[in-house]
Protein backbone atom coordinates (compact mmCIF):
# COMPACT_ATOMS: atom_id res chain seq x y z
CA UNK A 1 19.75 5.48 -20.29
CA UNK A 2 21.66 2.32 -19.98
CA UNK A 3 24.52 2.97 -21.25
CA UNK A 4 24.69 5.85 -18.71
CA UNK A 5 23.77 3.23 -15.56
CA UNK A 6 26.67 0.47 -16.94
CA UNK A 7 28.74 3.89 -17.12
CA UNK A 8 28.06 4.96 -13.06
CA UNK A 9 28.40 0.43 -12.09
CA UNK A 10 31.45 0.36 -14.26
CA UNK A 11 33.29 3.53 -12.55
CA UNK A 12 37.03 3.53 -12.15
CA UNK A 13 36.40 4.05 -8.68
CA UNK A 14 34.02 1.29 -7.97
CA UNK A 15 36.32 -1.60 -7.27
CA UNK A 16 35.76 -5.21 -6.87
CA UNK A 17 32.81 -5.52 -8.65
CA UNK A 18 32.31 -7.44 -12.02
CA UNK A 19 29.45 -5.67 -13.56
CA UNK A 20 27.44 -8.59 -16.65
CA UNK A 21 24.67 -8.10 -19.19
CA UNK A 22 22.35 -9.66 -19.98
CA UNK A 23 19.16 -9.15 -22.18
CA UNK A 24 15.72 -10.06 -20.12
CA UNK A 25 14.58 -12.77 -22.61
CA UNK A 26 18.33 -14.64 -22.21
CA UNK A 27 18.33 -14.26 -17.88
CA UNK A 28 18.40 -17.09 -16.30
CA UNK A 29 17.33 -17.98 -12.38
CA UNK A 30 21.50 -18.91 -12.63
CA UNK A 31 22.60 -16.11 -13.32
CA UNK A 32 19.62 -14.20 -11.17
CA UNK A 33 21.70 -17.40 -8.04
CA UNK A 34 25.19 -16.24 -9.10
CA UNK A 35 24.51 -12.51 -8.54
CA UNK A 36 25.12 -10.16 -5.34
CA UNK A 37 22.48 -7.40 -6.89
CA UNK A 38 20.47 -6.07 -9.97
CA UNK A 39 19.82 -3.45 -11.88
CA UNK A 40 16.94 -3.80 -13.98
CA UNK A 41 16.05 -1.39 -17.33
CA UNK A 42 12.85 -1.76 -19.19
CA UNK A 43 10.51 0.41 -21.52
CA UNK A 44 6.93 1.12 -20.36
CA UNK A 45 5.08 -1.08 -23.24
CA UNK A 46 1.04 -0.31 -23.22
CA UNK A 47 1.13 1.26 -19.13
CA UNK A 48 3.40 -2.01 -18.41
CA UNK A 49 6.84 -3.77 -18.64
CA UNK A 50 8.21 -5.11 -21.09
CA UNK A 51 7.32 -8.41 -22.61
CA UNK A 52 10.65 -9.19 -21.71
CA UNK A 53 11.37 -8.29 -18.86
CA UNK A 54 8.03 -9.57 -17.50
CA UNK A 55 8.99 -12.55 -19.49
CA UNK A 56 12.44 -13.17 -17.43
CA UNK A 57 10.48 -12.59 -13.90
CA UNK A 58 8.21 -15.21 -14.72
CA UNK A 59 10.88 -17.30 -15.40
CA UNK A 60 13.08 -16.93 -12.33
CA UNK A 61 10.39 -15.82 -9.83
CA UNK A 62 10.32 -19.48 -7.69
CA UNK A 63 13.19 -20.25 -8.67
CA UNK A 64 15.52 -17.81 -7.43
CA UNK A 65 12.06 -16.44 -4.38
CA UNK A 66 14.20 -17.74 -1.19
CA UNK A 67 17.98 -17.52 -2.46
CA UNK A 68 17.79 -14.42 -3.13
CA UNK A 69 16.08 -12.17 -0.11
CA UNK A 70 17.29 -9.23 1.17
CA UNK A 71 19.70 -8.98 -2.66
CA UNK A 72 20.04 -4.92 -3.31
CA UNK A 73 18.10 -4.06 -6.15
CA UNK A 74 17.91 -1.11 -8.42
CA UNK A 75 15.83 0.07 -11.78
CA UNK A 76 14.75 2.84 -14.91
CA UNK A 77 11.92 2.52 -16.81
CA UNK A 78 11.05 4.74 -19.99
CA UNK A 79 7.74 5.53 -20.86
CA UNK A 80 6.23 8.27 -24.11
CA UNK A 81 4.02 9.06 -21.87
CA UNK A 82 3.08 7.70 -18.79
CA UNK A 83 5.02 4.84 -16.42
CA UNK A 84 2.32 4.36 -13.64
CA UNK A 85 2.20 0.74 -14.38
CA UNK A 86 5.50 -0.06 -15.47
CA UNK A 87 6.52 0.87 -11.33
CA UNK A 88 4.00 -0.97 -9.88
CA UNK A 89 4.62 -3.69 -11.83
CA UNK A 90 8.25 -3.71 -10.94
CA UNK A 91 7.85 -3.24 -7.24
CA UNK A 92 4.85 -5.58 -6.91
CA UNK A 93 7.35 -8.26 -8.25
CA UNK A 94 10.17 -7.47 -6.40
CA UNK A 95 8.33 -7.07 -2.98
CA UNK A 96 7.26 -10.83 -3.70
CA UNK A 97 10.82 -11.31 -4.01
CA UNK A 98 12.26 -9.37 -0.91
CA UNK A 99 15.24 -7.72 -2.90
CA UNK A 100 15.75 -4.27 -1.13
CA UNK A 101 15.55 -1.19 -3.29
CA UNK A 102 19.54 0.41 -3.20
CA UNK A 103 18.65 3.96 -4.95
CA UNK A 104 15.67 5.66 -6.28
CA UNK A 105 14.28 4.30 -9.37
CA UNK A 106 14.76 6.17 -12.72
CA UNK A 107 11.29 6.87 -14.34
CA UNK A 108 11.76 9.28 -17.33
CA UNK A 109 8.19 9.92 -20.04
CA UNK A 110 9.54 11.05 -23.24
CA UNK A 111 13.25 11.91 -24.69
CA UNK A 112 15.78 11.26 -21.88
CA UNK A 113 18.00 14.52 -20.95
CA UNK A 114 20.58 15.53 -19.00
CA UNK A 115 19.21 15.17 -15.72
CA UNK A 116 17.66 11.70 -16.42
CA UNK A 117 20.90 10.60 -18.18
CA UNK A 118 23.05 12.00 -15.14
CA UNK A 119 20.44 10.08 -12.42
CA UNK A 120 21.12 6.47 -14.82
CA UNK A 121 24.22 6.84 -14.06
CA UNK A 122 24.24 7.75 -10.27
CA UNK A 123 21.48 5.10 -9.85
CA UNK A 124 24.35 2.30 -11.32
CA UNK A 125 27.36 3.86 -9.80
CA UNK A 126 24.80 3.33 -6.50
CA UNK A 127 24.17 0.13 -7.02
CA UNK A 128 28.16 -1.22 -7.85
CA UNK A 129 29.40 0.98 -4.79
CA UNK A 130 26.86 -0.76 -2.19
CA UNK A 131 28.36 -3.75 -3.54
CA UNK A 132 32.28 -3.05 -3.06
CA UNK A 133 33.98 -5.26 -0.75
């Protein structure tokens, strides 16, 4: 799913958009402040976002709260049987940050199929295309 998102975001038809990938555990408030938009991905672990994504939000929430209002974002969640809690958490946290959803989230339970991979590609492409200047 990650590869499909990155492939969509880096499509040759999308110009003047630099895609920077950061694992959640190494992403910092400086990374968030310097970005024009965000694409988040997480497994649904025990009905919630991954510990790494939770740590990311814990580290960047207050330092980025005012400066990133209105920035576009998208996300995808993959779980074994249920992603409801993870989706709820991301929606709640990003609403608090006042980030603006730029595409429908991609949620997948079980093994990702062809349509899921295509939806991930579209997610990346949509967010990146919205950032073109």
